N, C-alpha and C. Protein backbone atom coordinates (compact mmCIF):
# COMPACT_ATOMS: atom_id res chain seq x y z
N MET A 1 48.32 80.99 30.72
CA MET A 1 47.33 81.17 29.69
C MET A 1 47.53 80.07 28.64
N PRO A 2 46.45 79.67 27.96
CA PRO A 2 46.59 78.63 26.94
C PRO A 2 47.37 79.12 25.72
N TRP A 3 48.10 78.21 25.10
CA TRP A 3 48.78 78.55 23.85
C TRP A 3 47.74 78.89 22.80
N LYS A 4 48.12 79.73 21.87
CA LYS A 4 47.23 80.15 20.80
C LYS A 4 46.68 78.95 20.03
N ASN A 5 47.51 77.89 19.88
CA ASN A 5 47.06 76.70 19.15
C ASN A 5 46.45 75.64 20.07
N GLY A 6 46.33 75.93 21.38
CA GLY A 6 45.71 75.01 22.31
C GLY A 6 46.59 73.87 22.76
N GLY A 7 47.86 73.83 22.38
CA GLY A 7 48.73 72.70 22.68
C GLY A 7 49.47 72.76 24.01
N GLY A 8 49.23 73.75 24.83
CA GLY A 8 49.92 73.85 26.12
C GLY A 8 49.62 75.18 26.79
N THR A 9 50.46 75.54 27.75
CA THR A 9 50.25 76.80 28.47
C THR A 9 51.54 77.60 28.56
N THR A 10 51.36 78.90 28.74
CA THR A 10 52.45 79.85 28.86
C THR A 10 52.17 80.75 30.06
N THR A 11 53.21 81.10 30.78
CA THR A 11 53.10 82.12 31.82
C THR A 11 53.51 83.44 31.20
N GLU A 12 52.56 84.32 31.04
CA GLU A 12 52.83 85.63 30.45
C GLU A 12 53.38 86.55 31.54
N LEU A 13 54.60 87.05 31.35
CA LEU A 13 55.21 87.93 32.33
C LEU A 13 54.83 89.39 32.10
N ALA A 14 54.73 89.79 30.84
CA ALA A 14 54.37 91.18 30.53
C ALA A 14 53.91 91.27 29.08
N LEU A 15 53.04 92.25 28.82
CA LEU A 15 52.49 92.45 27.49
C LEU A 15 52.23 93.94 27.30
N ALA A 16 52.57 94.46 26.13
CA ALA A 16 52.26 95.84 25.78
C ALA A 16 51.19 95.80 24.69
N ASP A 17 49.97 96.16 25.06
CA ASP A 17 48.85 96.18 24.12
C ASP A 17 49.02 97.25 23.06
N LEU A 18 48.33 97.06 21.95
CA LEU A 18 48.22 98.09 20.92
C LEU A 18 46.80 98.64 21.01
N PRO A 19 46.63 99.84 21.59
CA PRO A 19 45.29 100.40 21.75
C PRO A 19 44.55 100.48 20.42
N GLY A 20 43.28 100.11 20.45
CA GLY A 20 42.45 100.17 19.25
C GLY A 20 42.66 99.03 18.28
N GLU A 21 43.52 98.04 18.65
CA GLU A 21 43.77 96.90 17.77
C GLU A 21 43.57 95.60 18.55
N PRO A 22 42.32 95.20 18.73
CA PRO A 22 42.03 93.98 19.50
C PRO A 22 42.78 92.77 18.95
N GLY A 23 43.33 91.99 19.85
CA GLY A 23 44.06 90.80 19.46
C GLY A 23 45.49 91.03 19.03
N ARG A 24 45.94 92.28 18.99
CA ARG A 24 47.33 92.59 18.61
C ARG A 24 48.05 93.20 19.81
N PHE A 25 49.35 93.00 19.84
CA PHE A 25 50.16 93.59 20.90
C PHE A 25 51.46 94.09 20.28
N LEU A 26 52.11 95.01 20.97
CA LEU A 26 53.41 95.51 20.52
C LEU A 26 54.50 94.48 20.84
N TRP A 27 54.45 93.94 22.07
CA TRP A 27 55.40 92.91 22.47
C TRP A 27 54.81 92.10 23.62
N ARG A 28 55.37 90.89 23.78
CA ARG A 28 54.97 90.01 24.88
C ARG A 28 56.19 89.23 25.33
N VAL A 29 56.35 89.06 26.64
CA VAL A 29 57.42 88.25 27.23
C VAL A 29 56.75 87.16 28.05
N SER A 30 57.20 85.92 27.85
CA SER A 30 56.57 84.80 28.54
C SER A 30 57.57 83.67 28.78
N ILE A 31 57.14 82.73 29.62
CA ILE A 31 57.88 81.50 29.89
C ILE A 31 56.94 80.35 29.60
N ALA A 32 57.39 79.38 28.80
CA ALA A 32 56.55 78.24 28.45
C ALA A 32 57.18 76.95 28.94
N ASP A 33 56.34 76.04 29.42
CA ASP A 33 56.76 74.69 29.74
C ASP A 33 56.36 73.80 28.58
N VAL A 34 57.34 73.15 27.97
CA VAL A 34 57.09 72.31 26.80
C VAL A 34 57.36 70.87 27.21
N ALA A 35 56.31 70.05 27.23
CA ALA A 35 56.43 68.67 27.69
C ALA A 35 56.37 67.66 26.56
N GLN A 36 56.00 68.11 25.36
CA GLN A 36 55.87 67.16 24.25
C GLN A 36 56.12 67.86 22.92
N ALA A 37 56.41 67.07 21.92
CA ALA A 37 56.62 67.58 20.57
C ALA A 37 55.32 68.11 20.01
N GLY A 38 55.44 69.01 19.03
CA GLY A 38 54.24 69.52 18.38
C GLY A 38 54.49 70.84 17.69
N PRO A 39 53.45 71.38 17.07
CA PRO A 39 53.58 72.64 16.34
C PRO A 39 53.60 73.84 17.26
N PHE A 40 54.27 74.89 16.82
CA PHE A 40 54.21 76.19 17.50
C PHE A 40 53.05 76.98 16.93
N SER A 41 52.49 77.86 17.72
CA SER A 41 51.45 78.77 17.25
C SER A 41 52.04 79.76 16.27
N ALA A 42 51.24 80.16 15.28
CA ALA A 42 51.67 81.19 14.33
C ALA A 42 51.37 82.57 14.92
N PHE A 43 52.28 83.51 14.68
CA PHE A 43 52.10 84.91 15.09
C PHE A 43 52.45 85.77 13.89
N ALA A 44 51.52 85.87 12.95
CA ALA A 44 51.75 86.62 11.71
C ALA A 44 52.06 88.09 12.02
N GLY A 45 53.12 88.60 11.39
CA GLY A 45 53.52 89.99 11.58
C GLY A 45 54.45 90.22 12.76
N TYR A 46 54.82 89.15 13.45
CA TYR A 46 55.67 89.26 14.63
C TYR A 46 57.03 88.60 14.40
N GLU A 47 58.00 89.02 15.17
CA GLU A 47 59.32 88.40 15.24
C GLU A 47 59.36 87.68 16.58
N ARG A 48 59.97 86.48 16.61
CA ARG A 48 60.03 85.70 17.84
C ARG A 48 61.48 85.42 18.21
N LEU A 49 61.76 85.47 19.51
CA LEU A 49 63.05 85.08 20.05
C LEU A 49 62.78 84.09 21.18
N ILE A 50 63.55 83.00 21.19
CA ILE A 50 63.31 81.95 22.17
C ILE A 50 64.64 81.42 22.69
N ALA A 51 64.69 81.15 23.99
CA ALA A 51 65.89 80.58 24.61
C ALA A 51 65.46 79.48 25.58
N VAL A 52 66.14 78.35 25.53
CA VAL A 52 65.88 77.27 26.47
C VAL A 52 66.54 77.65 27.79
N VAL A 53 65.76 77.63 28.88
CA VAL A 53 66.30 78.00 30.19
C VAL A 53 66.30 76.84 31.19
N GLU A 54 65.63 75.72 30.85
CA GLU A 54 65.68 74.50 31.65
C GLU A 54 65.50 73.32 30.70
N GLY A 55 66.21 72.23 30.98
CA GLY A 55 66.12 71.04 30.13
C GLY A 55 67.21 71.04 29.07
N ALA A 56 67.31 69.93 28.35
CA ALA A 56 68.39 69.75 27.38
C ALA A 56 68.26 70.65 26.17
N GLY A 57 67.08 70.69 25.59
CA GLY A 57 66.90 71.51 24.39
C GLY A 57 65.83 70.95 23.49
N MET A 58 65.77 71.52 22.29
CA MET A 58 64.76 71.11 21.31
C MET A 58 65.29 71.36 19.91
N VAL A 59 64.71 70.66 18.96
CA VAL A 59 64.97 70.91 17.56
C VAL A 59 63.71 71.57 17.01
N LEU A 60 63.86 72.79 16.51
CA LEU A 60 62.76 73.49 15.86
C LEU A 60 62.94 73.34 14.36
N THR A 61 61.93 72.89 13.68
CA THR A 61 61.95 72.83 12.23
C THR A 61 61.14 74.03 11.75
N VAL A 62 61.86 75.01 11.22
CA VAL A 62 61.27 76.29 10.83
C VAL A 62 61.19 76.34 9.31
N ASP A 63 59.96 76.32 8.80
CA ASP A 63 59.74 76.28 7.35
C ASP A 63 60.61 75.21 6.68
N GLY A 64 60.68 74.03 7.33
CA GLY A 64 61.39 72.90 6.76
C GLY A 64 62.86 72.78 7.12
N THR A 65 63.42 73.80 7.78
CA THR A 65 64.84 73.78 8.14
C THR A 65 64.99 73.51 9.65
N PRO A 66 65.67 72.40 10.03
CA PRO A 66 65.85 72.11 11.45
C PRO A 66 66.96 72.96 12.09
N VAL A 67 66.69 73.42 13.31
CA VAL A 67 67.65 74.20 14.10
C VAL A 67 67.60 73.67 15.53
N THR A 68 68.77 73.36 16.10
CA THR A 68 68.82 72.89 17.48
C THR A 68 68.99 74.09 18.41
N VAL A 69 68.13 74.16 19.42
CA VAL A 69 68.17 75.22 20.44
C VAL A 69 68.45 74.52 21.76
N ARG A 70 69.62 74.81 22.35
CA ARG A 70 70.06 74.11 23.56
C ARG A 70 70.07 75.04 24.77
N LEU A 71 70.05 74.43 25.94
CA LEU A 71 70.21 75.16 27.19
C LEU A 71 71.53 75.91 27.15
N GLY A 72 71.50 77.19 27.49
CA GLY A 72 72.70 78.00 27.55
C GLY A 72 73.12 78.63 26.23
N ALA A 73 72.50 78.22 25.13
CA ALA A 73 72.83 78.79 23.82
C ALA A 73 72.16 80.16 23.68
N PRO A 74 72.70 81.01 22.80
CA PRO A 74 72.04 82.29 22.56
C PRO A 74 70.60 82.09 22.07
N ALA A 75 69.78 83.10 22.28
CA ALA A 75 68.39 83.04 21.84
C ALA A 75 68.33 82.84 20.33
N PHE A 76 67.32 82.11 19.90
CA PHE A 76 67.09 81.85 18.48
C PHE A 76 65.97 82.78 18.00
N ARG A 77 66.21 83.47 16.88
CA ARG A 77 65.25 84.41 16.30
C ARG A 77 64.61 83.78 15.06
N PHE A 78 63.28 83.91 14.94
CA PHE A 78 62.59 83.41 13.76
C PHE A 78 61.29 84.18 13.55
N SER A 79 60.75 84.08 12.36
CA SER A 79 59.53 84.79 12.01
C SER A 79 58.31 84.12 12.62
N GLY A 80 57.42 84.91 13.16
CA GLY A 80 56.15 84.39 13.67
C GLY A 80 55.25 83.89 12.56
N ASP A 81 55.58 84.23 11.31
CA ASP A 81 54.82 83.77 10.14
C ASP A 81 55.21 82.34 9.75
N ALA A 82 56.37 81.86 10.22
CA ALA A 82 56.90 80.56 9.81
C ALA A 82 56.08 79.40 10.37
N ALA A 83 56.08 78.31 9.63
CA ALA A 83 55.54 77.04 10.13
C ALA A 83 56.64 76.40 10.98
N VAL A 84 56.35 76.15 12.26
CA VAL A 84 57.37 75.66 13.20
C VAL A 84 56.87 74.41 13.90
N GLU A 85 57.69 73.36 13.85
CA GLU A 85 57.45 72.13 14.60
C GLU A 85 58.56 71.98 15.62
N CYS A 86 58.23 71.45 16.79
CA CYS A 86 59.19 71.27 17.88
C CYS A 86 59.34 69.79 18.20
N ARG A 87 60.60 69.38 18.39
CA ARG A 87 60.91 68.04 18.88
C ARG A 87 61.87 68.20 20.04
N LEU A 88 61.54 67.64 21.19
CA LEU A 88 62.40 67.74 22.37
C LEU A 88 63.57 66.76 22.23
N THR A 89 64.76 67.17 22.70
CA THR A 89 65.95 66.34 22.54
C THR A 89 66.30 65.52 23.78
N GLY A 90 65.70 65.81 24.91
CA GLY A 90 66.05 65.08 26.12
C GLY A 90 65.01 65.26 27.21
N GLY A 91 63.75 65.26 26.86
CA GLY A 91 62.70 65.42 27.84
C GLY A 91 62.17 66.85 27.86
N PRO A 92 61.27 67.13 28.79
CA PRO A 92 60.62 68.44 28.88
C PRO A 92 61.61 69.58 29.05
N ILE A 93 61.21 70.75 28.58
CA ILE A 93 62.03 71.96 28.72
C ILE A 93 61.16 73.11 29.20
N ARG A 94 61.84 74.17 29.58
CA ARG A 94 61.20 75.47 29.83
C ARG A 94 61.92 76.46 28.94
N ASP A 95 61.16 77.31 28.25
CA ASP A 95 61.80 78.32 27.41
C ASP A 95 61.28 79.71 27.73
N PHE A 96 62.11 80.68 27.41
CA PHE A 96 61.81 82.10 27.64
C PHE A 96 61.60 82.72 26.27
N ASN A 97 60.54 83.50 26.13
CA ASN A 97 60.12 84.01 24.83
C ASN A 97 59.92 85.51 24.81
N LEU A 98 60.34 86.13 23.72
CA LEU A 98 60.01 87.52 23.42
C LEU A 98 59.39 87.52 22.03
N ILE A 99 58.20 88.05 21.91
CA ILE A 99 57.52 88.19 20.63
C ILE A 99 57.22 89.66 20.46
N HIS A 100 57.61 90.24 19.29
CA HIS A 100 57.33 91.67 19.08
C HIS A 100 56.86 91.93 17.67
N ASP A 101 56.05 92.96 17.52
CA ASP A 101 55.55 93.40 16.22
C ASP A 101 56.75 93.89 15.41
N ARG A 102 57.04 93.22 14.30
CA ARG A 102 58.28 93.53 13.57
C ARG A 102 58.26 94.88 12.87
N GLU A 103 57.09 95.45 12.62
CA GLU A 103 57.01 96.75 11.96
C GLU A 103 57.13 97.91 12.95
N ARG A 104 56.76 97.66 14.21
CA ARG A 104 56.68 98.75 15.19
C ARG A 104 57.72 98.69 16.29
N ALA A 105 58.45 97.58 16.37
CA ALA A 105 59.42 97.44 17.47
C ALA A 105 60.59 96.58 17.03
N GLU A 106 61.66 96.69 17.79
CA GLU A 106 62.80 95.80 17.62
C GLU A 106 63.12 95.24 18.99
N GLY A 107 63.61 94.01 19.02
CA GLY A 107 63.86 93.39 20.32
C GLY A 107 65.08 92.50 20.29
N ARG A 108 65.54 92.21 21.50
CA ARG A 108 66.63 91.25 21.66
C ARG A 108 66.42 90.50 22.97
N LEU A 109 66.95 89.30 23.02
CA LEU A 109 66.83 88.44 24.18
C LEU A 109 68.23 87.94 24.50
N GLU A 110 68.73 88.28 25.69
CA GLU A 110 70.10 87.93 26.07
C GLU A 110 70.13 87.11 27.34
N LEU A 111 71.10 86.22 27.41
CA LEU A 111 71.39 85.45 28.61
C LEU A 111 72.82 85.80 29.01
N PRO A 112 73.01 86.92 29.72
CA PRO A 112 74.37 87.36 30.05
C PRO A 112 75.13 86.30 30.85
N ALA A 113 76.39 86.12 30.51
CA ALA A 113 77.24 85.18 31.23
C ALA A 113 77.48 85.69 32.65
N ASP A 114 77.92 84.80 33.51
CA ASP A 114 78.25 85.15 34.89
C ASP A 114 79.23 86.33 34.88
N GLY A 115 78.88 87.41 35.55
CA GLY A 115 79.74 88.57 35.62
C GLY A 115 79.53 89.57 34.50
N ALA A 116 78.72 89.22 33.50
CA ALA A 116 78.45 90.13 32.38
C ALA A 116 77.07 90.77 32.57
N ALA A 117 76.79 91.78 31.75
CA ALA A 117 75.50 92.46 31.84
C ALA A 117 75.04 92.88 30.46
N ALA A 118 73.72 92.94 30.29
CA ALA A 118 73.12 93.43 29.05
C ALA A 118 72.82 94.91 29.24
N GLY A 119 73.12 95.71 28.22
CA GLY A 119 72.83 97.13 28.27
C GLY A 119 71.38 97.41 27.93
N ILE A 120 70.81 98.39 28.61
CA ILE A 120 69.42 98.79 28.40
C ILE A 120 69.41 100.30 28.17
N ALA A 121 68.94 100.74 27.01
CA ALA A 121 68.86 102.17 26.70
C ALA A 121 67.66 102.79 27.41
N ALA A 122 67.74 104.09 27.66
CA ALA A 122 66.67 104.79 28.37
C ALA A 122 65.35 104.78 27.61
N ASP A 123 65.39 104.64 26.28
CA ASP A 123 64.16 104.63 25.49
C ASP A 123 63.62 103.22 25.23
N ALA A 124 64.15 102.24 25.94
CA ALA A 124 63.72 100.84 25.78
C ALA A 124 62.95 100.39 27.02
N VAL A 125 62.29 99.27 26.87
CA VAL A 125 61.66 98.57 28.01
C VAL A 125 62.39 97.24 28.12
N ALA A 126 62.75 96.86 29.34
CA ALA A 126 63.43 95.59 29.55
C ALA A 126 62.73 94.80 30.64
N LEU A 127 62.72 93.49 30.47
CA LEU A 127 62.26 92.57 31.50
C LEU A 127 63.47 91.74 31.88
N VAL A 128 63.82 91.78 33.16
CA VAL A 128 64.99 91.08 33.68
C VAL A 128 64.48 89.97 34.59
N HIS A 129 64.73 88.72 34.20
CA HIS A 129 64.22 87.58 34.96
C HIS A 129 65.38 86.81 35.56
N ALA A 130 65.32 86.59 36.88
CA ALA A 130 66.34 85.82 37.58
C ALA A 130 65.99 84.33 37.51
N LEU A 131 66.80 83.58 36.77
CA LEU A 131 66.55 82.15 36.61
C LEU A 131 67.07 81.35 37.80
N GLU A 132 68.34 81.55 38.12
CA GLU A 132 68.98 80.90 39.28
C GLU A 132 69.78 81.97 40.00
N GLY A 133 69.69 82.00 41.30
CA GLY A 133 70.31 83.09 42.04
C GLY A 133 69.59 84.39 41.69
N ALA A 134 70.13 85.48 42.11
CA ALA A 134 69.51 86.77 41.86
C ALA A 134 70.06 87.41 40.59
N ALA A 135 69.29 88.35 40.07
CA ALA A 135 69.77 89.19 38.97
C ALA A 135 69.98 90.58 39.54
N LEU A 136 70.88 91.33 38.92
CA LEU A 136 71.16 92.69 39.37
C LEU A 136 70.82 93.66 38.25
N VAL A 137 70.14 94.75 38.59
CA VAL A 137 69.83 95.83 37.66
C VAL A 137 70.53 97.07 38.19
N ARG A 138 71.46 97.61 37.40
CA ARG A 138 72.23 98.78 37.82
C ARG A 138 71.86 99.98 36.96
N THR A 139 71.46 101.07 37.62
CA THR A 139 71.23 102.34 36.95
C THR A 139 72.32 103.29 37.44
N ALA A 140 72.26 104.54 36.98
CA ALA A 140 73.27 105.51 37.42
C ALA A 140 73.21 105.73 38.93
N GLY A 141 72.03 105.56 39.51
CA GLY A 141 71.88 105.90 40.93
C GLY A 141 71.77 104.75 41.89
N GLU A 142 71.48 103.54 41.42
CA GLU A 142 71.28 102.44 42.37
C GLU A 142 71.43 101.08 41.71
N THR A 143 71.52 100.06 42.56
CA THR A 143 71.51 98.68 42.12
C THR A 143 70.34 97.99 42.79
N VAL A 144 69.52 97.32 41.99
CA VAL A 144 68.35 96.59 42.51
C VAL A 144 68.61 95.10 42.32
N ARG A 145 68.34 94.35 43.35
CA ARG A 145 68.51 92.89 43.33
C ARG A 145 67.15 92.25 43.04
N VAL A 146 67.10 91.44 41.99
CA VAL A 146 65.87 90.74 41.61
C VAL A 146 65.98 89.31 42.15
N PRO A 147 65.08 88.90 43.05
CA PRO A 147 65.19 87.57 43.65
C PRO A 147 64.95 86.45 42.63
N PRO A 148 65.49 85.25 42.90
CA PRO A 148 65.30 84.12 42.00
C PRO A 148 63.81 83.88 41.71
N GLY A 149 63.50 83.66 40.42
CA GLY A 149 62.12 83.41 40.02
C GLY A 149 61.29 84.65 39.78
N TRP A 150 61.85 85.82 40.05
CA TRP A 150 61.13 87.08 39.88
C TRP A 150 61.60 87.79 38.62
N THR A 151 60.76 88.74 38.18
CA THR A 151 61.05 89.53 36.99
C THR A 151 60.93 91.01 37.35
N ALA A 152 61.90 91.81 36.91
CA ALA A 152 61.84 93.27 37.10
C ALA A 152 61.63 93.92 35.74
N ARG A 153 60.83 94.97 35.74
CA ARG A 153 60.62 95.76 34.51
C ARG A 153 61.42 97.04 34.65
N VAL A 154 62.23 97.34 33.63
CA VAL A 154 63.06 98.54 33.62
C VAL A 154 62.58 99.40 32.46
N GLU A 155 62.25 100.65 32.76
CA GLU A 155 61.71 101.53 31.72
C GLU A 155 62.04 102.98 32.06
N GLY A 156 62.43 103.75 31.05
CA GLY A 156 62.66 105.18 31.24
C GLY A 156 64.00 105.54 31.84
N THR A 157 64.91 104.59 31.94
CA THR A 157 66.24 104.87 32.47
C THR A 157 67.26 103.93 31.84
N ALA A 158 68.44 104.41 31.59
CA ALA A 158 69.51 103.55 31.09
C ALA A 158 69.95 102.64 32.24
N ALA A 159 70.27 101.40 31.91
CA ALA A 159 70.65 100.45 32.95
C ALA A 159 71.49 99.34 32.34
N GLU A 160 72.03 98.52 33.22
CA GLU A 160 72.68 97.26 32.86
C GLU A 160 72.07 96.20 33.74
N ALA A 161 71.92 94.98 33.19
CA ALA A 161 71.32 93.90 33.98
C ALA A 161 71.99 92.59 33.65
N GLY A 162 72.17 91.77 34.69
CA GLY A 162 72.77 90.46 34.50
C GLY A 162 72.68 89.67 35.79
N PRO A 163 73.20 88.46 35.78
CA PRO A 163 73.12 87.61 36.97
C PRO A 163 74.13 88.01 38.04
N GLU A 164 73.74 87.76 39.28
CA GLU A 164 74.68 87.86 40.39
C GLU A 164 75.70 86.72 40.21
N ALA A 165 76.84 86.80 40.83
CA ALA A 165 77.88 85.76 40.71
C ALA A 165 77.28 84.39 40.96
N GLY A 166 77.53 83.47 40.03
CA GLY A 166 77.04 82.11 40.17
C GLY A 166 75.59 81.91 39.74
N GLY A 167 74.92 82.97 39.32
CA GLY A 167 73.51 82.87 38.93
C GLY A 167 73.32 82.83 37.44
N ARG A 168 72.05 82.79 37.05
CA ARG A 168 71.66 82.86 35.64
C ARG A 168 70.47 83.79 35.52
N ALA A 169 70.49 84.62 34.48
CA ALA A 169 69.40 85.57 34.25
C ALA A 169 69.15 85.69 32.75
N VAL A 170 67.97 86.16 32.41
CA VAL A 170 67.63 86.43 31.02
C VAL A 170 67.10 87.87 30.96
N VAL A 171 67.46 88.57 29.89
CA VAL A 171 67.08 89.98 29.73
C VAL A 171 66.43 90.16 28.36
N ALA A 172 65.17 90.57 28.35
CA ALA A 172 64.45 90.88 27.11
C ALA A 172 64.36 92.39 27.00
N VAL A 173 64.79 92.92 25.84
CA VAL A 173 64.81 94.38 25.64
C VAL A 173 64.02 94.70 24.37
N VAL A 174 63.11 95.68 24.45
CA VAL A 174 62.29 96.07 23.31
C VAL A 174 62.32 97.58 23.18
N ARG A 175 62.47 98.06 21.93
CA ARG A 175 62.42 99.49 21.62
C ARG A 175 61.44 99.70 20.48
N GLY A 176 60.66 100.77 20.57
CA GLY A 176 59.76 101.11 19.48
C GLY A 176 60.54 101.63 18.30
N ARG A 177 59.98 101.48 17.12
CA ARG A 177 60.62 101.99 15.89
C ARG A 177 60.12 103.38 15.61
């Protein structure tokens, strides 16, 4: 889908609409390919989390303050209300994004280390994306293997999710307030 500001495209993995509020959503998870410097779209009333999953990284200037976001670093959190400019540090990147309504939800974006897992509460929704190798989602009763490049949605059950040995995965978790 096109970026809100028209400067590129995003692959939307999942979205939770807000019924009766056209143009608003509770949360959205997406992957963006960023090939050039430029402004980020504004998302007033939302909180944003972003992690570089391919490429060297980028410098985001958020309301005048530069922050470097690198491959493998923890997700960076910033306000969707902020003025954000992006400069790539070593060529094109791919980033993983979680945007959520800050008044109605709370969210986190994790890149569990090899052998580690992110916890998912039963009252949360999680999107588990296998970046390299498979990701594993473990509940009390079973383990599900998510193939490379695929995303699993976990909802209504407590779970843990992370990469299979030698792999990389990203886990977006959202809970309503």
